Protein backbone atom coordinates (compact mmCIF):
# COMPACT_ATOMS: atom_id res chain seq x y z
CA UNK A 1 -7.38 1.16 -0.13
CA UNK A 2 -10.07 1.89 2.43
CA UNK A 3 -12.20 -0.98 1.10
CA UNK A 4 -9.27 -3.39 1.37
CA UNK A 5 -8.52 -2.38 4.96
CA UNK A 6 -12.20 -2.72 5.86
CA UNK A 7 -12.30 -6.19 4.27
CA UNK A 8 -9.16 -7.29 6.11
CA UNK A 9 -10.44 -6.03 9.46
CA UNK A 10 -13.77 -7.76 8.88
CA UNK A 11 -12.04 -10.98 7.83
CA UNK A 12 -9.53 -11.01 10.68
CA UNK A 13 -12.11 -12.11 13.24
CA UNK A 14 -13.26 -14.96 10.97
CA UNK A 15 -9.91 -16.77 11.33
CA UNK A 16 -10.38 -19.78 13.63
CA UNK A 17 -8.07 -20.43 16.60
CA UNK A 18 -7.02 -23.69 14.93
CA UNK A 19 -5.18 -21.70 12.28
CA UNK A 20 -3.34 -19.63 14.88
CA UNK A 21 -2.33 -22.80 16.77
CA UNK A 22 -1.08 -24.40 13.55
CA UNK A 23 0.99 -21.33 12.68
CA UNK A 24 2.41 -21.32 16.21
CA UNK A 25 3.31 -25.02 15.91
CA UNK A 26 5.11 -24.46 12.61
CA UNK A 27 7.00 -21.47 14.05
CA UNK A 28 8.01 -23.39 17.20
CA UNK A 29 9.13 -26.40 15.15
CA UNK A 30 11.10 -24.21 12.74
CA UNK A 31 12.78 -22.34 15.59
CA UNK A 32 13.70 -25.64 17.24
CA UNK A 33 15.29 -26.80 14.00
CA UNK A 34 17.02 -23.48 13.43
CA UNK A 35 18.47 -23.22 16.95
CA UNK A 36 18.87 -26.94 17.54
CA UNK A 37 22.49 -26.74 18.70
CA UNK A 38 21.81 -23.84 21.07
CA UNK A 39 18.55 -25.14 22.58
CA UNK A 40 19.09 -28.90 22.52
CA UNK A 41 22.86 -29.57 22.40
CA UNK A 42 22.68 -33.00 24.06
CA UNK A 43 19.39 -34.22 22.59
CA UNK A 44 19.91 -35.76 19.15
CA UNK A 45 16.28 -36.90 18.91
CA UNK A 46 14.84 -33.41 18.74
CA UNK A 47 15.17 -33.09 14.97
CA UNK A 48 12.59 -35.79 14.10
CA UNK A 49 10.23 -34.42 16.77
CA UNK A 50 10.49 -30.88 15.39
CA UNK A 51 9.99 -32.17 11.85
CA UNK A 52 6.93 -34.13 12.94
CA UNK A 53 5.56 -31.02 14.67
CA UNK A 54 5.97 -28.99 11.48
CA UNK A 55 4.59 -31.71 9.22
CA UNK A 56 1.70 -32.34 11.61
CA UNK A 57 0.74 -28.67 11.81
CA UNK A 58 0.70 -28.09 8.06
CA UNK A 59 -2.59 -29.95 7.40
CA UNK A 60 -4.11 -28.31 10.50
CA UNK A 61 -3.18 -24.93 9.09
CA UNK A 62 -4.67 -25.84 5.74
CA UNK A 63 -7.87 -26.98 7.45
CA UNK A 64 -7.94 -23.61 9.22
CA UNK A 65 -7.69 -21.95 5.81
CA UNK A 66 -10.63 -24.09 4.62
CA UNK A 67 -12.72 -22.95 7.61
CA UNK A 68 -11.73 -19.32 7.05
CA UNK A 69 -12.64 -19.46 3.36
CA UNK A 70 -15.99 -21.03 4.22
CA UNK A 71 -16.72 -18.24 6.69
CA UNK A 72 -15.73 -15.58 4.16
CA UNK A 73 -17.84 -17.31 1.51
CA UNK A 74 -20.87 -17.13 3.80
CA UNK A 75 -20.47 -13.39 4.36
CA UNK A 76 -20.02 -12.34 0.70
CA UNK A 77 -23.24 -11.18 -0.96
CA UNK A 78 -22.26 -10.49 -4.58
CA UNK A 79 -22.62 -13.54 -6.85
CA UNK A 80 -19.31 -13.09 -8.67
CA UNK A 81 -17.30 -12.81 -5.45
CA UNK A 82 -19.24 -15.67 -3.90
CA UNK A 83 -18.25 -17.87 -6.85
CA UNK A 84 -14.60 -16.76 -6.55
CA UNK A 85 -14.52 -17.56 -2.82
CA UNK A 86 -16.32 -20.86 -3.47
CA UNK A 87 -13.68 -21.82 -6.02
CA UNK A 88 -10.91 -20.91 -3.55
CA UNK A 89 -12.71 -22.95 -0.87
CA UNK A 90 -12.98 -25.98 -3.16
CA UNK A 91 -9.33 -25.74 -4.19
CA UNK A 92 -8.25 -25.45 -0.56
CA UNK A 93 -10.15 -28.66 0.26
CA UNK A 94 -8.32 -30.44 -2.57
CA UNK A 95 -5.01 -29.03 -1.33
CA UNK A 96 -5.88 -30.25 2.17
CA UNK A 97 -6.45 -33.78 0.87
CA UNK A 98 -3.10 -33.71 -0.92
CA UNK A 99 -1.34 -32.35 2.17
CA UNK A 100 -2.74 -35.15 4.32
CA UNK A 101 -1.40 -37.74 1.88
CA UNK A 102 2.02 -36.04 1.75
CA UNK A 103 2.15 -35.74 5.54
CA UNK A 104 1.34 -39.42 6.04
CA UNK A 105 4.11 -40.29 3.60
CA UNK A 106 6.49 -37.89 5.41
CA UNK A 107 5.64 -39.42 8.79
CA UNK A 108 6.52 -42.83 7.40
CA UNK A 109 9.88 -41.51 6.17
CA UNK A 110 10.67 -39.63 9.41
CA UNK A 111 9.80 -42.60 11.62
CA UNK A 112 11.77 -45.12 9.56
């Protein structure tokens, strides 16, 4: 347990600000959708804007995960764990590419 806490504390400062901003954008967009009638009762156009905020922040968050995994991968010294983090890094890049394609498709649907 002590090793896990030490790893998490060491990893926490490796998270880039981009990831925190993306999480904040998703939370703000979700709260705007959740409390749409209370916050924006006379603004019917807020739903597409909140959806675009959420959909736009998802690839940014994934890119923040890619950066975080790269930073973790650079700090790991053992070969087995380096390979595991490298595999996670590579998979996160592939997920990022898929998310960009899905987000572009979603933007086209939201704007139409």
